[in-house]
PDB file of all heavy atoms in Angstrom:
ATOM      1  N   PRO A   1      15.826  14.744  21.540  1.00  0.00           N
ATOM      2  CA  PRO A   1      16.368  15.263  20.244  1.00  0.00           C
ATOM      3  C   PRO A   1      15.877  14.269  19.159  1.00  0.00           C
ATOM      4  O   PRO A   1      15.725  13.101  19.278  1.00  0.00           O
ATOM      5  CB  PRO A   1      17.833  15.219  20.358  1.00  0.00           C
ATOM      6  CG  PRO A   1      17.990  14.177  21.531  1.00  0.00           C
ATOM      7  CD  PRO A   1      16.988  14.303  22.405  1.00  0.00           C
ATOM      8  N   ILE A   2      15.569  14.883  17.995  1.00  0.00           N
ATOM      9  CA  ILE A   2      15.333  14.192  16.759  1.00  0.00           C
ATOM     10  C   ILE A   2      16.680  13.913  16.052  1.00  0.00           C
ATOM     11  O   ILE A   2      17.320  14.911  15.639  1.00  0.00           O
ATOM     12  CB  ILE A   2      14.365  14.917  15.827  1.00  0.00           C
ATOM     13  CG1 ILE A   2      13.054  15.264  16.514  1.00  0.00           C
ATOM     14  CG2 ILE A   2      14.122  14.171  14.598  1.00  0.00           C
ATOM     15  CD1 ILE A   2      12.282  14.063  16.957  1.00  0.00           C
ATOM     16  N   LEU A   3      17.156  12.692  15.895  1.00  0.00           N
ATOM     17  CA  LEU A   3      18.398  12.438  15.366  1.00  0.00           C
ATOM     18  C   LEU A   3      18.313  12.355  13.798  1.00  0.00           C
ATOM     19  O   LEU A   3      19.353  12.609  13.152  1.00  0.00           O
ATOM     20  CB  LEU A   3      18.996  11.148  15.976  1.00  0.00           C
ATOM     21  CG  LEU A   3      19.062  10.990  17.530  1.00  0.00           C
ATOM     22  CD1 LEU A   3      19.594   9.701  17.959  1.00  0.00           C
ATOM     23  CD2 LEU A   3      20.021  12.195  17.995  1.00  0.00           C
ATOM     24  N   LYS A   4      17.212  11.927  13.354  1.00  0.00           N
ATOM     25  CA  LYS A   4      17.014  11.663  11.857  1.00  0.00           C
ATOM     26  C   LYS A   4      15.690  12.020  11.435  1.00  0.00           C
ATOM     27  O   LYS A   4      14.715  11.574  12.220  1.00  0.00           O
ATOM     28  CB  LYS A   4      17.371  10.182  11.495  1.00  0.00           C
ATOM     29  CG  LYS A   4      17.283   9.897  10.085  1.00  0.00           C
ATOM     30  CD  LYS A   4      17.534   8.379   9.947  1.00  0.00           C
ATOM     31  CE  LYS A   4      17.493   7.927   8.455  1.00  0.00           C
ATOM     32  NZ  LYS A   4      17.789   6.492   8.336  1.00  0.00           N
ATOM     33  N   ASP A   5      15.464  12.713  10.449  1.00  0.00           N
ATOM     34  CA  ASP A   5      14.063  12.970   9.950  1.00  0.00           C
ATOM     35  C   ASP A   5      14.152  13.198   8.412  1.00  0.00           C
ATOM     36  O   ASP A   5      14.381  14.321   7.941  1.00  0.00           O
ATOM     37  CB  ASP A   5      13.526  14.271  10.595  1.00  0.00           C
ATOM     38  CG  ASP A   5      12.073  14.510  10.350  1.00  0.00           C
ATOM     39  OD1 ASP A   5      11.448  13.698   9.539  1.00  0.00           O
ATOM     40  OD2 ASP A   5      11.488  15.523  10.808  1.00  0.00           O
ATOM     41  N   ASP A   6      13.945  12.160   7.679  1.00  0.00           N
ATOM     42  CA  ASP A   6      14.053  12.122   6.228  1.00  0.00           C
ATOM     43  C   ASP A   6      12.566  11.869   5.660  1.00  0.00           C
ATOM     44  O   ASP A   6      12.016  10.840   5.995  1.00  0.00           O
ATOM     45  CB  ASP A   6      14.979  11.047   5.655  1.00  0.00           C
ATOM     46  CG  ASP A   6      16.420  11.335   6.057  1.00  0.00           C
ATOM     47  OD1 ASP A   6      16.762  12.396   6.320  1.00  0.00           O
ATOM     48  OD2 ASP A   6      17.105  10.171   6.367  1.00  0.00           O
ATOM     49  N   ARG A   7      12.204  12.779   4.768  1.00  0.00           N
ATOM     50  CA  ARG A   7      10.863  12.620   4.118  1.00  0.00           C
ATOM     51  C   ARG A   7      11.004  12.871   2.692  1.00  0.00           C
ATOM     52  O   ARG A   7      11.680  13.784   2.158  1.00  0.00           O
ATOM     53  CB  ARG A   7       9.914  13.601   4.810  1.00  0.00           C
ATOM     54  CG  ARG A   7       9.732  13.544   6.336  1.00  0.00           C
ATOM     55  CD  ARG A   7       9.031  14.737   6.804  1.00  0.00           C
ATOM     56  NE  ARG A   7       9.145  14.762   8.262  1.00  0.00           N
ATOM     57  CZ  ARG A   7       8.125  14.467   9.073  1.00  0.00           C
ATOM     58  NH1 ARG A   7       6.980  14.231   8.507  1.00  0.00           N
ATOM     59  NH2 ARG A   7       8.313  14.514  10.416  1.00  0.00           N
ATOM     60  N   THR A   8      10.248  12.080   1.856  1.00  0.00           N
ATOM     61  CA  THR A   8      10.070  12.296   0.452  1.00  0.00           C
ATOM     62  C   THR A   8       8.639  12.111   0.076  1.00  0.00           C
ATOM     63  O   THR A   8       7.922  11.375   0.654  1.00  0.00           O
ATOM     64  CB  THR A   8      10.975  11.331  -0.352  1.00  0.00           C
ATOM     65  OG1 THR A   8      10.542  10.032  -0.094  1.00  0.00           O
ATOM     66  CG2 THR A   8      12.446  11.539  -0.056  1.00  0.00           C
ATOM     67  N   GLN A   9       8.243  12.791  -1.040  1.00  0.00           N
ATOM     68  CA  GLN A   9       6.906  12.661  -1.583  1.00  0.00           C
ATOM     69  C   GLN A   9       6.922  13.043  -3.046  1.00  0.00           C
ATOM     70  O   GLN A   9       7.671  14.078  -3.365  1.00  0.00           O
ATOM     71  CB  GLN A   9       5.923  13.499  -0.829  1.00  0.00           C
ATOM     72  CG  GLN A   9       4.454  13.332  -1.282  1.00  0.00           C
ATOM     73  CD  GLN A   9       3.467  14.131  -0.361  1.00  0.00           C
ATOM     74  OE1 GLN A   9       3.911  14.691   0.724  1.00  0.00           O
ATOM     75  NE2 GLN A   9       2.216  14.021  -0.717  1.00  0.00           N
ATOM     76  N   ASN A  10       6.188  12.499  -3.841  1.00  0.00           N
ATOM     77  CA  ASN A  10       6.085  12.976  -5.274  1.00  0.00           C
ATOM     78  C   ASN A  10       4.617  13.162  -5.699  1.00  0.00           C
ATOM     79  O   ASN A  10       3.760  12.796  -4.936  1.00  0.00           O
ATOM     80  CB  ASN A  10       6.946  12.020  -6.205  1.00  0.00           C
ATOM     81  CG  ASN A  10       6.273  10.656  -6.340  1.00  0.00           C
ATOM     82  OD1 ASN A  10       5.122  10.466  -6.062  1.00  0.00           O
ATOM     83  ND2 ASN A  10       7.060   9.649  -6.760  1.00  0.00           N
ATOM     84  N   ALA A  11       4.486  13.699  -6.856  1.00  0.00           N
ATOM     85  CA  ALA A  11       3.104  14.011  -7.387  1.00  0.00           C
ATOM     86  C   ALA A  11       2.354  12.795  -7.703  1.00  0.00           C
ATOM     87  O   ALA A  11       1.086  12.812  -7.722  1.00  0.00           O
ATOM     88  CB  ALA A  11       3.204  14.840  -8.643  1.00  0.00           C
ATOM     89  N   ALA A  12       2.882  11.617  -7.781  1.00  0.00           N
ATOM     90  CA  ALA A  12       2.216  10.363  -8.038  1.00  0.00           C
ATOM     91  C   ALA A  12       1.652   9.728  -6.812  1.00  0.00           C
ATOM     92  O   ALA A  12       0.975   8.698  -6.780  1.00  0.00           O
ATOM     93  CB  ALA A  12       3.056   9.349  -8.746  1.00  0.00           C
ATOM     94  N   GLY A  13       1.978  10.349  -5.658  1.00  0.00           N
ATOM     95  CA  GLY A  13       1.357   9.849  -4.323  1.00  0.00           C
ATOM     96  C   GLY A  13       2.280   8.956  -3.699  1.00  0.00           C
ATOM     97  O   GLY A  13       1.989   8.322  -2.642  1.00  0.00           O
ATOM     98  N   GLU A  14       3.562   8.658  -4.199  1.00  0.00           N
ATOM     99  CA  GLU A  14       4.593   7.842  -3.523  1.00  0.00           C
ATOM    100  C   GLU A  14       5.205   8.737  -2.376  1.00  0.00           C
ATOM    101  O   GLU A  14       5.420   9.896  -2.624  1.00  0.00           O
ATOM    102  CB  GLU A  14       5.671   7.456  -4.428  1.00  0.00           C
ATOM    103  CG  GLU A  14       5.136   6.545  -5.647  1.00  0.00           C
ATOM    104  CD  GLU A  14       6.168   6.226  -6.721  1.00  0.00           C
ATOM    105  OE1 GLU A  14       7.071   7.174  -6.942  1.00  0.00           O
ATOM    106  OE2 GLU A  14       6.071   5.194  -7.212  1.00  0.00           O
ATOM    107  N   TYR A  15       5.416   7.995  -1.289  1.00  0.00           N
ATOM    108  CA  TYR A  15       6.073   8.786  -0.192  1.00  0.00           C
ATOM    109  C   TYR A  15       6.992   7.836   0.611  1.00  0.00           C
ATOM    110  O   TYR A  15       6.814   6.647   0.513  1.00  0.00           O
ATOM    111  CB  TYR A  15       5.033   9.440   0.733  1.00  0.00           C
ATOM    112  CG  TYR A  15       4.313   8.386   1.574  1.00  0.00           C
ATOM    113  CD1 TYR A  15       4.640   8.097   2.848  1.00  0.00           C
ATOM    114  CD2 TYR A  15       3.210   7.581   1.080  1.00  0.00           C
ATOM    115  CE1 TYR A  15       4.191   7.107   3.629  1.00  0.00           C
ATOM    116  CE2 TYR A  15       2.601   6.676   1.871  1.00  0.00           C
ATOM    117  CZ  TYR A  15       3.090   6.425   3.144  1.00  0.00           C
ATOM    118  OH  TYR A  15       2.461   5.457   3.929  1.00  0.00           O
ATOM    119  N   SER A  16       7.805   8.445   1.496  1.00  0.00           N
ATOM    120  CA  SER A  16       8.538   7.637   2.414  1.00  0.00           C
ATOM    121  C   SER A  16       8.927   8.613   3.520  1.00  0.00           C
ATOM    122  O   SER A  16       9.133   9.869   3.337  1.00  0.00           O
ATOM    123  CB  SER A  16       9.826   7.010   1.814  1.00  0.00           C
ATOM    124  OG  SER A  16      10.683   7.948   1.373  1.00  0.00           O
ATOM    125  N   PHE A  17       9.150   8.089   4.710  1.00  0.00           N
ATOM    126  CA  PHE A  17       9.744   8.837   5.765  1.00  0.00           C
ATOM    127  C   PHE A  17      10.460   7.876   6.727  1.00  0.00           C
ATOM    128  O   PHE A  17      10.161   6.697   6.779  1.00  0.00           O
ATOM    129  CB  PHE A  17       8.701   9.614   6.588  1.00  0.00           C
ATOM    130  CG  PHE A  17       7.736   8.815   7.304  1.00  0.00           C
ATOM    131  CD1 PHE A  17       7.936   8.349   8.541  1.00  0.00           C
ATOM    132  CD2 PHE A  17       6.383   8.659   6.707  1.00  0.00           C
ATOM    133  CE1 PHE A  17       6.954   7.626   9.297  1.00  0.00           C
ATOM    134  CE2 PHE A  17       5.435   7.957   7.462  1.00  0.00           C
ATOM    135  CZ  PHE A  17       5.681   7.500   8.716  1.00  0.00           C
ATOM    136  N   ASN A  18      11.458   8.445   7.352  1.00  0.00           N
ATOM    137  CA  ASN A  18      12.364   7.704   8.341  1.00  0.00           C
ATOM    138  C   ASN A  18      12.639   8.713   9.428  1.00  0.00           C
ATOM    139  O   ASN A  18      13.092   9.860   9.159  1.00  0.00           O
ATOM    140  CB  ASN A  18      13.628   7.235   7.712  1.00  0.00           C
ATOM    141  CG  ASN A  18      13.408   6.244   6.683  1.00  0.00           C
ATOM    142  OD1 ASN A  18      12.991   5.095   6.953  1.00  0.00           O
ATOM    143  ND2 ASN A  18      13.646   6.609   5.435  1.00  0.00           N
ATOM    144  N   PHE A  19      12.413   8.397  10.683  1.00  0.00           N
ATOM    145  CA  PHE A  19      12.939   9.228  11.776  1.00  0.00           C
ATOM    146  C   PHE A  19      13.406   8.330  12.878  1.00  0.00           C
ATOM    147  O   PHE A  19      13.076   7.169  13.090  1.00  0.00           O
ATOM    148  CB  PHE A  19      11.865  10.178  12.232  1.00  0.00           C
ATOM    149  CG  PHE A  19      10.709   9.712  12.899  1.00  0.00           C
ATOM    150  CD1 PHE A  19      10.840   9.446  14.416  1.00  0.00           C
ATOM    151  CD2 PHE A  19       9.533   9.513  12.385  1.00  0.00           C
ATOM    152  CE1 PHE A  19       9.740   8.976  15.017  1.00  0.00           C
ATOM    153  CE2 PHE A  19       8.444   9.116  13.031  1.00  0.00           C
ATOM    154  CZ  PHE A  19       8.499   8.836  14.390  1.00  0.00           C
ATOM    155  N   GLU A  20      14.310   9.000  13.743  1.00  0.00           N
ATOM    156  CA  GLU A  20      14.828   8.312  14.871  1.00  0.00           C
ATOM    157  C   GLU A  20      15.074   9.391  15.932  1.00  0.00           C
ATOM    158  O   GLU A  20      15.497  10.557  15.634  1.00  0.00           O
ATOM    159  CB  GLU A  20      16.211   7.721  14.548  1.00  0.00           C
ATOM    160  CG  GLU A  20      16.832   7.025  15.657  1.00  0.00           C
ATOM    161  CD  GLU A  20      18.237   6.352  15.262  1.00  0.00           C
ATOM    162  OE1 GLU A  20      18.505   6.285  14.083  1.00  0.00           O
ATOM    163  OE2 GLU A  20      18.933   5.884  16.175  1.00  0.00           O
ATOM    164  N   THR A  21      14.643   9.058  17.156  1.00  0.00           N
ATOM    165  CA  THR A  21      14.789   9.998  18.294  1.00  0.00           C
ATOM    166  C   THR A  21      15.951   9.626  19.250  1.00  0.00           C
ATOM    167  O   THR A  21      16.361   8.477  19.155  1.00  0.00           O
ATOM    168  CB  THR A  21      13.529  10.030  19.048  1.00  0.00           C
ATOM    169  OG1 THR A  21      13.218   8.804  19.646  1.00  0.00           O
ATOM    170  CG2 THR A  21      12.333  10.421  18.162  1.00  0.00           C
ATOM    171  N   GLY A  22      16.281  10.534  20.080  1.00  0.00           N
ATOM    172  CA  GLY A  22      17.396  10.350  21.041  1.00  0.00           C
ATOM    173  C   GLY A  22      17.041   9.253  22.079  1.00  0.00           C
ATOM    174  O   GLY A  22      18.005   8.742  22.771  1.00  0.00           O
ATOM    175  N   ASN A  23      15.806   8.983  22.267  1.00  0.00           N
ATOM    176  CA  ASN A  23      15.392   7.893  23.258  1.00  0.00           C
ATOM    177  C   ASN A  23      15.215   6.540  22.569  1.00  0.00           C
ATOM    178  O   ASN A  23      14.649   5.737  23.230  1.00  0.00           O
ATOM    179  CB  ASN A  23      14.268   8.383  24.087  1.00  0.00           C
ATOM    180  CG  ASN A  23      12.983   8.496  23.289  1.00  0.00           C
ATOM    181  OD1 ASN A  23      12.977   8.511  22.046  1.00  0.00           O
ATOM    182  ND2 ASN A  23      11.852   8.685  23.921  1.00  0.00           N
ATOM    183  N   GLY A  24      15.664   6.349  21.398  1.00  0.00           N
ATOM    184  CA  GLY A  24      15.683   5.048  20.810  1.00  0.00           C
ATOM    185  C   GLY A  24      14.406   4.696  19.960  1.00  0.00           C
ATOM    186  O   GLY A  24      14.313   3.538  19.524  1.00  0.00           O
ATOM    187  N   ILE A  25      13.429   5.592  19.739  1.00  0.00           N
ATOM    188  CA  ILE A  25      12.331   5.351  18.874  1.00  0.00           C
ATOM    189  C   ILE A  25      12.778   5.492  17.460  1.00  0.00           C
ATOM    190  O   ILE A  25      13.417   6.441  17.018  1.00  0.00           O
ATOM    191  CB  ILE A  25      11.188   6.307  19.251  1.00  0.00           C
ATOM    192  CG1 ILE A  25      10.681   6.113  20.666  1.00  0.00           C
ATOM    193  CG2 ILE A  25      10.120   6.156  18.205  1.00  0.00           C
ATOM    194  CD1 ILE A  25       9.771   7.154  21.101  1.00  0.00           C
ATOM    195  N   VAL A  26      12.472   4.446  16.635  1.00  0.00           N
ATOM    196  CA  VAL A  26      12.743   4.430  15.256  1.00  0.00           C
ATOM    197  C   VAL A  26      11.554   4.136  14.476  1.00  0.00           C
ATOM    198  O   VAL A  26      10.725   3.245  14.854  1.00  0.00           O
ATOM    199  CB  VAL A  26      13.836   3.389  14.881  1.00  0.00           C
ATOM    200  CG1 VAL A  26      14.094   3.278  13.398  1.00  0.00           C
ATOM    201  CG2 VAL A  26      15.118   3.595  15.711  1.00  0.00           C
ATOM    202  N   ARG A  27      11.213   4.891  13.446  1.00  0.00           N
ATOM    203  CA  ARG A  27      10.024   4.691  12.604  1.00  0.00           C
ATOM    204  C   ARG A  27      10.339   4.891  11.165  1.00  0.00           C
ATOM    205  O   ARG A  27      11.011   5.859  10.792  1.00  0.00           O
ATOM    206  CB  ARG A  27       8.969   5.701  13.061  1.00  0.00           C
ATOM    207  CG  ARG A  27       7.669   5.745  12.298  1.00  0.00           C
ATOM    208  CD  ARG A  27       6.722   4.574  12.716  1.00  0.00           C
ATOM    209  NE  ARG A  27       5.292   4.907  12.312  1.00  0.00           N
ATOM    210  CZ  ARG A  27       4.919   4.494  11.129  1.00  0.00           C
ATOM    211  NH1 ARG A  27       5.615   3.885  10.323  1.00  0.00           N
ATOM    212  NH2 ARG A  27       3.647   4.822  10.790  1.00  0.00           N
ATOM    213  N   SER A  28       9.852   4.083  10.263  1.00  0.00           N
ATOM    214  CA  SER A  28       9.934   4.229   8.917  1.00  0.00           C
ATOM    215  C   SER A  28       8.692   3.691   8.108  1.00  0.00           C
ATOM    216  O   SER A  28       8.005   2.839   8.678  1.00  0.00           O
ATOM    217  CB  SER A  28      11.146   3.423   8.325  1.00  0.00           C
ATOM    218  OG  SER A  28      11.017   2.083   8.507  1.00  0.00           O
ATOM    219  N   GLU A  29       8.364   4.283   6.997  1.00  0.00           N
ATOM    220  CA  GLU A  29       7.194   3.908   6.208  1.00  0.00           C
ATOM    221  C   GLU A  29       7.399   4.436   4.844  1.00  0.00           C
ATOM    222  O   GLU A  29       8.054   5.408   4.544  1.00  0.00           O
ATOM    223  CB  GLU A  29       5.961   4.546   6.804  1.00  0.00           C
ATOM    224  CG  GLU A  29       4.692   4.109   6.184  1.00  0.00           C
ATOM    225  CD  GLU A  29       3.420   4.640   6.850  1.00  0.00           C
ATOM    226  OE1 GLU A  29       3.513   4.723   8.089  1.00  0.00           O
ATOM    227  OE2 GLU A  29       2.465   4.985   6.051  1.00  0.00           O
ATOM    228  N   SER A  30       6.837   3.604   3.867  1.00  0.00           N
ATOM    229  CA  SER A  30       6.759   4.039   2.467  1.00  0.00           C
ATOM    230  C   SER A  30       5.466   3.558   1.897  1.00  0.00           C
ATOM    231  O   SER A  30       4.871   2.649   2.433  1.00  0.00           O
ATOM    232  CB  SER A  30       7.940   3.533   1.655  1.00  0.00           C
ATOM    233  OG  SER A  30       7.935   2.093   1.647  1.00  0.00           O
ATOM    234  N   GLY A  31       4.968   4.219   0.899  1.00  0.00           N
ATOM    235  CA  GLY A  31       3.772   3.911   0.306  1.00  0.00           C
ATOM    236  C   GLY A  31       3.564   4.481  -1.095  1.00  0.00           C
ATOM    237  O   GLY A  31       4.312   5.343  -1.596  1.00  0.00           O
ATOM    238  N   TYR A  32       2.548   3.859  -1.778  1.00  0.00           N
ATOM    239  CA  TYR A  32       2.329   4.309  -3.157  1.00  0.00           C
ATOM    240  C   TYR A  32       0.877   3.999  -3.530  1.00  0.00           C
ATOM    241  O   TYR A  32       0.239   3.270  -2.810  1.00  0.00           O
ATOM    242  CB  TYR A  32       3.263   3.611  -4.182  1.00  0.00           C
ATOM    243  CG  TYR A  32       3.127   2.116  -4.157  1.00  0.00           C
ATOM    244  CD1 TYR A  32       2.242   1.365  -4.953  1.00  0.00           C
ATOM    245  CD2 TYR A  32       3.908   1.346  -3.207  1.00  0.00           C
ATOM    246  CE1 TYR A  32       2.165   0.030  -4.922  1.00  0.00           C
ATOM    247  CE2 TYR A  32       3.798  -0.021  -3.169  1.00  0.00           C
ATOM    248  CZ  TYR A  32       2.920  -0.688  -4.026  1.00  0.00           C
ATOM    249  OH  TYR A  32       2.874  -2.051  -3.950  1.00  0.00           O
ATOM    250  N   GLN A  33       0.366   4.546  -4.546  1.00  0.00           N
ATOM    251  CA  GLN A  33      -1.060   4.350  -5.063  1.00  0.00           C
ATOM    252  C   GLN A  33      -1.020   3.200  -6.025  1.00  0.00           C
ATOM    253  O   GLN A  33      -0.223   3.133  -7.039  1.00  0.00           O
ATOM    254  CB  GLN A  33      -1.533   5.619  -5.786  1.00  0.00           C
ATOM    255  CG  GLN A  33      -1.745   6.766  -4.886  1.00  0.00           C
ATOM    256  CD  GLN A  33      -2.830   6.600  -3.961  1.00  0.00           C
ATOM    257  OE1 GLN A  33      -3.925   6.000  -4.313  1.00  0.00           O
ATOM    258  NE2 GLN A  33      -2.662   7.092  -2.671  1.00  0.00           N
ATOM    259  N   ALA A  34      -1.821   2.204  -5.768  1.00  0.00           N
ATOM    260  CA  ALA A  34      -2.019   1.031  -6.630  1.00  0.00           C
ATOM    261  C   ALA A  34      -3.410   0.449  -6.460  1.00  0.00           C
ATOM    262  O   ALA A  34      -3.516  -0.426  -5.696  1.00  0.00           O
ATOM    263  CB  ALA A  34      -0.949  -0.028  -6.338  1.00  0.00           C
ATOM    264  N   ASP A  35      -4.408   1.063  -7.148  1.00  0.00           N
ATOM    265  CA  ASP A  35      -5.810   0.637  -6.860  1.00  0.00           C
ATOM    266  C   ASP A  35      -6.159   0.787  -5.342  1.00  0.00           C
ATOM    267  O   ASP A  35      -6.700  -0.059  -4.657  1.00  0.00           O
ATOM    268  CB  ASP A  35      -6.106  -0.763  -7.270  1.00  0.00           C
ATOM    269  CG  ASP A  35      -5.989  -0.935  -8.834  1.00  0.00           C
ATOM    270  OD1 ASP A  35      -6.355   0.056  -9.486  1.00  0.00           O
ATOM    271  OD2 ASP A  35      -5.556  -1.968  -9.268  1.00  0.00           O
ATOM    272  N   GLY A  36      -5.656   1.858  -4.804  1.00  0.00           N
ATOM    273  CA  GLY A  36      -5.720   2.085  -3.356  1.00  0.00           C
ATOM    274  C   GLY A  36      -4.348   2.363  -2.842  1.00  0.00           C
ATOM    275  O   GLY A  36      -3.400   2.218  -3.545  1.00  0.00           O
ATOM    276  N   GLN A  37      -4.199   2.686  -1.607  1.00  0.00           N
ATOM    277  CA  GLN A  37      -3.022   2.904  -0.971  1.00  0.00           C
ATOM    278  C   GLN A  37      -2.240   1.712  -0.486  1.00  0.00           C
ATOM    279  O   GLN A  37      -2.948   0.876   0.160  1.00  0.00           O
ATOM    280  CB  GLN A  37      -3.082   3.980   0.225  1.00  0.00           C
ATOM    281  CG  GLN A  37      -1.809   4.350   0.738  1.00  0.00           C
ATOM    282  CD  GLN A  37      -1.110   5.420  -0.120  1.00  0.00           C
ATOM    283  OE1 GLN A  37      -1.712   6.128  -0.917  1.00  0.00           O
ATOM    284  NE2 GLN A  37       0.231   5.438  -0.019  1.00  0.00           N
TER     285      GLN A  37
END
């Protein structure tokens, strides 16, 4: 099961995501444009 799945993104290229699975995998990331990613 996927316990958590949150994602955001805007027109400026900023994004974030967070997810967690029922077997203990956790992943998060965020980013933005600033003379490159």
